[in-house]
Protein backbone atom coordinates (compact mmCIF):
# COMPACT_ATOMS: atom_id res chain seq x y z
CA MET A 1 0.00 0.00 0.00
CA ARG A 2 0.92 3.64 -0.36
CA VAL A 3 0.49 5.47 2.95
CA ALA A 4 0.84 9.14 3.85
CA ILE A 5 1.70 10.37 7.34
CA LEU A 6 0.52 13.91 7.99
CA SER A 7 3.18 15.33 10.31
CA ARG A 8 4.86 18.71 10.79
CA ASN A 9 8.22 17.11 11.57
CA GLU A 10 9.56 13.89 10.05
CA LYS A 11 12.26 13.70 12.76
CA LEU A 12 9.79 13.27 15.64
CA TYR A 13 10.01 9.84 17.29
CA SER A 14 6.38 8.91 16.54
CA THR A 15 6.69 9.87 12.88
CA ARG A 16 10.03 8.07 12.45
CA ARG A 17 8.71 4.89 14.07
CA LEU A 18 5.60 4.85 11.90
CA VAL A 19 7.75 5.28 8.78
CA GLU A 20 10.04 2.44 9.89
CA ALA A 21 7.14 0.13 10.75
CA GLY A 22 5.36 0.77 7.46
CA ARG A 23 8.44 0.22 5.31
CA GLU A 24 9.37 -2.93 7.25
CA ARG A 25 5.94 -4.29 6.31
CA GLY A 26 6.57 -3.54 2.63
CA HIS A 27 4.56 -0.33 2.24
CA THR A 28 5.51 2.92 0.54
CA VAL A 29 5.36 5.60 3.23
CA ASP A 30 5.56 9.37 2.63
CA VAL A 31 5.72 12.07 5.29
CA ILE A 32 3.73 15.17 4.33
CA ASP A 33 3.82 18.48 6.22
CA THR A 34 0.17 19.21 6.92
CA LEU A 35 0.49 22.99 6.70
CA HIS A 36 2.13 22.78 3.26
CA CYS A 37 -0.92 20.98 1.85
CA TYR A 38 -3.53 22.99 0.01
CA MET A 39 -6.81 21.83 -1.40
CA ASP A 40 -8.62 21.97 -4.71
CA ILE A 41 -12.24 21.62 -3.65
CA THR A 42 -14.33 20.59 -6.62
CA THR A 43 -17.36 18.36 -7.03
CA SER A 44 -15.90 16.11 -9.72
CA GLN A 45 -12.30 15.63 -8.65
CA PRO A 46 -11.20 16.96 -5.24
CA THR A 47 -7.43 16.91 -4.79
CA VAL A 48 -4.74 17.74 -2.27
CA ARG A 49 -1.79 19.67 -3.64
CA TYR A 50 1.66 19.79 -2.06
CA ARG A 51 4.65 21.91 -3.02
CA GLY A 52 3.19 22.75 -6.42
CA GLU A 53 1.95 19.29 -7.42
CA ALA A 54 -1.12 17.15 -6.92
CA LEU A 55 -0.46 14.36 -4.44
CA PRO A 56 -0.74 10.80 -5.78
CA HIS A 57 -3.49 8.45 -4.62
CA TYR A 58 -2.89 7.08 -1.15
CA ASP A 59 -4.50 3.93 0.16
CA ALA A 60 -4.39 5.29 3.70
CA VAL A 61 -3.53 8.42 5.65
CA ILE A 62 -2.21 8.54 9.22
CA PRO A 63 -3.04 11.96 10.68
CA ARG A 64 -0.55 13.25 13.27
CA ILE A 65 -2.35 16.55 13.83
CA GLY A 66 -0.93 18.76 16.58
CA ALA A 67 -3.30 20.69 18.81
CA SER A 68 -2.13 24.04 17.44
CA ILE A 69 -3.23 23.16 13.88
CA THR A 70 -6.43 21.20 14.62
CA PHE A 71 -8.70 23.32 12.41
CA TYR A 72 -6.51 23.24 9.30
CA GLY A 73 -5.31 19.69 9.91
CA ALA A 74 -8.88 18.40 10.16
CA ALA A 75 -9.71 20.18 6.89
CA VAL A 76 -6.83 18.38 5.14
CA VAL A 77 -7.95 15.02 6.53
CA ARG A 78 -11.51 15.78 5.41
CA GLN A 79 -10.24 16.44 1.89
CA PHE A 80 -8.61 13.01 1.80
CA GLU A 81 -11.91 11.53 3.00
CA MET A 82 -13.66 13.24 0.07
CA MET A 83 -11.16 11.52 -2.22
CA GLY A 84 -12.11 8.11 -0.79
CA THR A 85 -8.85 7.57 1.10
CA PHE A 86 -8.95 5.53 4.31
CA CYS A 87 -8.04 7.84 7.19
CA LEU A 88 -6.85 6.16 10.37
CA ASN A 89 -8.78 8.74 12.40
CA GLU A 90 -11.56 10.70 10.74
CA SER A 91 -11.59 14.50 10.71
CA VAL A 92 -14.80 14.76 12.75
CA ALA A 93 -13.37 12.46 15.45
CA ILE A 94 -10.14 14.48 15.66
CA SER A 95 -12.09 17.74 16.03
CA ARG A 96 -14.45 16.15 18.56
CA SER A 97 -11.63 14.92 20.80
CA ARG A 98 -9.72 18.22 20.64
CA ASP A 99 -12.68 20.17 22.00
CA LYS A 100 -12.22 19.36 25.69
CA LEU A 101 -15.66 20.55 26.72
CA ARG A 102 -17.46 18.73 23.92
CA SER A 103 -15.50 15.53 24.55
CA LEU A 104 -16.36 15.58 28.26
CA GLN A 105 -20.04 16.11 27.43
CA LEU A 106 -19.98 13.16 25.01
CA LEU A 107 -18.22 10.92 27.53
CA SER A 108 -20.72 11.95 30.20
CA ARG A 109 -23.62 11.11 27.90
CA LYS A 110 -22.18 7.62 27.42
CA GLY A 111 -21.96 7.09 31.18
CA ILE A 112 -18.15 7.00 31.27
CA GLY A 113 -16.50 7.94 34.57
CA LEU A 114 -15.29 11.55 34.75
CA PRO A 115 -14.04 13.95 37.41
CA ARG A 116 -16.78 16.37 38.43
CA THR A 117 -16.42 19.33 36.07
CA GLY A 118 -17.77 22.87 35.89
CA PHE A 119 -17.74 25.24 32.92
CA ALA A 120 -18.95 28.81 32.71
CA SER A 121 -18.42 31.90 30.61
CA LYS A 122 -19.26 34.66 33.09
CA PRO A 123 -20.60 33.10 36.28
CA ASP A 124 -22.47 35.50 38.53
CA ASP A 125 -21.21 33.52 41.50
CA VAL A 126 -17.68 32.08 41.23
CA LYS A 127 -18.07 30.69 44.76
CA ASP A 128 -21.07 28.62 43.63
CA LEU A 129 -19.10 27.28 40.65
CA ILE A 130 -16.35 26.15 43.03
CA LYS A 131 -18.85 24.66 45.47
CA ASN A 132 -20.54 22.62 42.75
CA VAL A 133 -17.34 20.74 41.87
CA GLY A 134 -16.74 19.94 45.53
CA GLY A 135 -14.57 22.86 46.61
CA ALA A 136 -10.80 23.07 46.97
CA PRO A 137 -8.45 21.55 46.27
CA LEU A 138 -9.51 21.72 42.65
CA VAL A 139 -7.96 22.02 39.20
CA VAL A 140 -8.46 24.93 36.79
CA LYS A 141 -7.71 24.11 33.14
CA LEU A 142 -7.44 26.16 29.99
CA LEU A 143 -9.57 24.55 27.30
CA GLU A 144 -6.81 25.07 24.75
CA GLY A 145 -3.97 23.79 26.97
CA THR A 146 -1.80 20.77 26.06
CA GLN A 147 0.90 18.69 27.77
CA GLY A 148 -0.03 20.09 31.18
CA ILE A 149 0.31 23.73 30.11
CA GLY A 150 -2.51 25.91 31.45
CA VAL A 151 -3.38 23.50 34.28
CA VAL A 152 -3.34 24.99 37.79
CA LEU A 153 -4.00 23.37 41.16
CA ALA A 154 -5.83 25.60 43.65
CA ASP A 155 -5.33 24.50 47.27
CA THR A 156 -8.02 26.74 48.77
CA ASP A 157 -11.36 28.16 47.68
CA LYS A 158 -9.90 31.67 47.91
CA ALA A 159 -6.99 30.72 45.63
CA ALA A 160 -9.45 29.09 43.21
CA GLU A 161 -11.50 32.29 43.07
CA SER A 162 -8.42 34.34 42.27
CA ILE A 163 -7.22 31.94 39.55
CA ILE A 164 -10.67 31.72 37.91
CA GLU A 165 -11.12 35.49 37.96
CA ALA A 166 -7.62 35.98 36.51
CA PHE A 167 -8.29 33.59 33.63
CA MET A 168 -11.67 35.18 32.97
CA GLY A 169 -10.03 38.60 32.97
CA LEU A 170 -7.93 37.31 30.08
CA ARG A 171 -11.12 36.03 28.36
CA ALA A 172 -9.80 32.49 28.51
CA ASN A 173 -12.10 29.48 28.31
CA ILE A 174 -11.62 27.29 31.37
CA LEU A 175 -12.81 24.12 33.03
CA VAL A 176 -12.95 23.70 36.80
CA GLN A 177 -12.52 20.09 37.95
CA GLU A 178 -12.40 18.20 41.21
CA PHE A 179 -8.90 17.18 42.27
CA ILE A 180 -8.47 13.40 42.48
CA GLY A 181 -6.01 13.38 45.38
CA GLU A 182 -5.98 9.59 45.78
CA ALA A 183 -4.35 9.28 42.32
CA GLY A 184 -1.15 10.51 43.97
CA GLY A 185 0.05 12.55 41.02
CA ALA A 186 -0.16 9.54 38.68
CA ASP A 187 -2.33 8.60 35.73
CA ILE A 188 -2.62 5.70 33.29
CA ARG A 189 -2.17 6.20 29.56
CA CYS A 190 -4.01 3.50 27.60
CA LEU A 191 -3.19 3.13 23.91
CA VAL A 192 -6.25 1.96 21.99
CA VAL A 193 -5.99 0.55 18.46
CA GLY A 194 -9.08 -0.73 16.66
CA GLY A 195 -11.23 -0.99 19.78
CA LYS A 196 -8.60 -2.80 21.89
CA VAL A 197 -6.14 -1.59 24.51
CA VAL A 198 -2.80 -2.71 23.07
CA ALA A 199 -0.54 -1.10 25.69
CA ALA A 200 -0.80 0.79 28.96
CA MET A 201 1.66 2.66 31.15
CA LYS A 202 1.42 4.36 34.51
CA ARG A 203 2.86 7.88 34.50
CA GLN A 204 4.06 9.31 37.80
CA GLY A 205 4.55 13.03 38.21
CA ALA A 206 7.88 14.36 39.41
CA GLU A 207 8.20 15.02 43.15
CA GLY A 208 5.99 17.96 44.14
CA GLU A 209 4.24 17.93 40.73
CA PHE A 210 0.55 16.95 40.45
CA ARG A 211 0.72 16.71 36.65
CA SER A 212 2.02 13.38 35.36
CA ASN A 213 3.01 14.48 31.83
CA LEU A 214 6.35 13.02 30.71
CA HIS A 215 7.13 16.42 29.18
CA ARG A 216 7.09 17.80 32.73
CA GLY A 217 9.61 15.34 34.13
CA GLY A 218 7.28 12.46 34.92
CA SER A 219 8.32 8.80 34.74
CA ALA A 220 6.54 5.84 33.16
CA ARG A 221 6.31 2.11 33.72
CA LEU A 222 4.31 -0.83 32.41
CA VAL A 223 1.02 -1.35 34.24
CA ARG A 224 -1.57 -4.12 34.29
CA LEU A 225 -5.10 -2.78 33.83
CA SER A 226 -8.16 -3.88 35.70
CA LYS A 227 -11.15 -5.06 33.69
CA GLU A 228 -12.96 -1.81 34.53
CA GLU A 229 -10.01 0.36 33.45
CA ARG A 230 -9.71 -1.50 30.16
CA ALA A 231 -13.44 -1.14 29.46
CA THR A 232 -13.32 2.57 30.32
CA ALA A 233 -10.51 3.18 27.81
CA VAL A 234 -12.23 1.23 25.03
CA ASN A 235 -15.58 2.94 25.64
CA ALA A 236 -13.95 6.38 25.67
CA ALA A 237 -12.27 5.72 22.30
CA LYS A 238 -15.59 4.47 20.93
CA ALA A 239 -17.44 7.55 22.19
CA MET A 240 -14.95 9.77 20.34
CA GLY A 241 -15.08 7.61 17.20
CA LEU A 242 -11.29 7.18 17.16
CA ASN A 243 -9.56 4.09 15.77
CA VAL A 244 -6.26 5.03 17.41
CA CYS A 245 -5.96 7.18 20.52
CA GLY A 246 -4.45 7.59 23.94
CA VAL A 247 -6.92 7.58 26.84
CA ASP A 248 -5.69 9.12 30.09
CA ILE A 249 -7.30 7.67 33.22
CA LEU A 250 -7.05 8.52 36.90
CA GLN A 251 -7.63 5.90 39.58
CA SER A 252 -10.25 7.37 41.91
CA LYS A 253 -12.14 6.01 44.92
CA ARG A 254 -15.22 5.53 42.74
CA GLY A 255 -13.34 3.79 39.94
CA PRO A 256 -11.48 4.95 36.80
CA VAL A 257 -12.21 8.46 35.53
CA VAL A 258 -11.16 9.77 32.12
CA MET A 259 -9.13 12.97 31.96
CA GLU A 260 -8.53 13.19 28.22
CA VAL A 261 -8.72 11.31 24.92
CA ASN A 262 -5.79 12.15 22.62
CA SER A 263 -6.23 11.59 18.87
CA SER A 264 -2.47 11.87 18.14
CA PRO A 265 -0.80 10.16 21.12
CA GLY A 266 2.97 10.19 21.33
CA LEU A 267 4.50 6.73 20.87
CA GLU A 268 7.94 7.17 22.42
CA GLY A 269 7.07 6.94 26.10
CA ILE A 270 4.63 4.05 25.79
CA GLU A 271 6.72 1.99 23.36
CA GLN A 272 9.73 2.31 25.65
CA ALA A 273 7.77 1.66 28.86
CA THR A 274 5.95 -1.40 27.49
CA ASP A 275 8.50 -2.66 24.93
CA LYS A 276 5.69 -3.10 22.41
CA ASP A 277 5.72 -2.39 18.68
CA ILE A 278 2.68 -0.13 18.67
CA SER A 279 3.65 1.38 15.32
CA GLY A 280 3.51 -2.09 13.78
CA MET A 281 0.10 -2.70 15.38
CA ILE A 282 -1.19 0.51 13.80
CA PHE A 283 -0.08 -0.64 10.35
CA LYS A 284 -1.61 -4.07 10.95
CA PHE A 285 -4.93 -2.35 11.67
CA ILE A 286 -4.60 -0.28 8.47
CA GLU A 287 -3.86 -3.40 6.41
CA GLU A 288 -7.00 -5.08 7.76
CA ASN A 289 -9.30 -2.08 7.38
CA ALA A 290 -8.14 0.18 4.54
CA ALA A 291 -10.60 -1.13 1.96
CA ALA A 292 -10.80 0.82 -1.28
CA GLY A 293 -12.90 3.94 -0.87
CA SER A 294 -13.46 3.29 2.85
CA THR A 295 -13.47 6.14 5.37
CA LYS A 296 -15.54 4.25 7.94
CA THR A 297 -14.47 4.54 11.55
CA ARG A 298 -14.75 1.39 13.63
CA GLY A 299 -16.57 1.62 16.92
CA LYS A 300 -17.99 5.06 16.27
CA GLY A 301 -20.29 6.22 19.06
């Protein structure tokens, strides 16, 4: 097959590993910078052009769309869908998962465990907003934040008020969530491929850090999931309509709760922590599902 990887940087670990895995399995794999694509939108023959030429037909596309280019990246993926190319994750699913508020609402509707969350534009009573998520300590998050950026822990109700008012003064969109203290600064990243959890790692935040992101100095190790944790990850991926994703779970007193569903999960940390060839698993899924003209997403909820 001929496969395109939409990625801003061909030197990134995840992109390099996908290229290696695809070529090892006998496929032709091209890396295409998403922002250098431009589209010819016509009824009869929609095309994607790149560096002055029309791109050839691809049997499948692997979108590695960063959060900062979600809107344009989803448009490029949608253009490939119009051309009948199999896209590993569909454009609508990518956009759905990137909207943190929308994704939480969809997960809630499906009955998936979540931390108690509040959202408001201009609440008349900030104190009531804080009270309704259980009071401090609580977490204030920027909707547009990634990799732990824009996530603040408020230890007291007074501190929470100040943080919320400061963000609102900057006209930022925020979520206010209960703090799951029993998680101990750790979370579980589940890698879902084709409706199955193929790998999972436990990420532990650095000392004194409540965020477990590896980019913030956290560590990772292989973890064995409970039946409930596995089901939560699979159901979250299904609710988003994603064939491949990372589902971040916290272990709470009432069971697993989902923090985020990532449509372009990094592969470095989890491949190294679990010693699994996840890139190869992704290509195996593509081989089994990239039927001619198919853009269908398995397990779409």
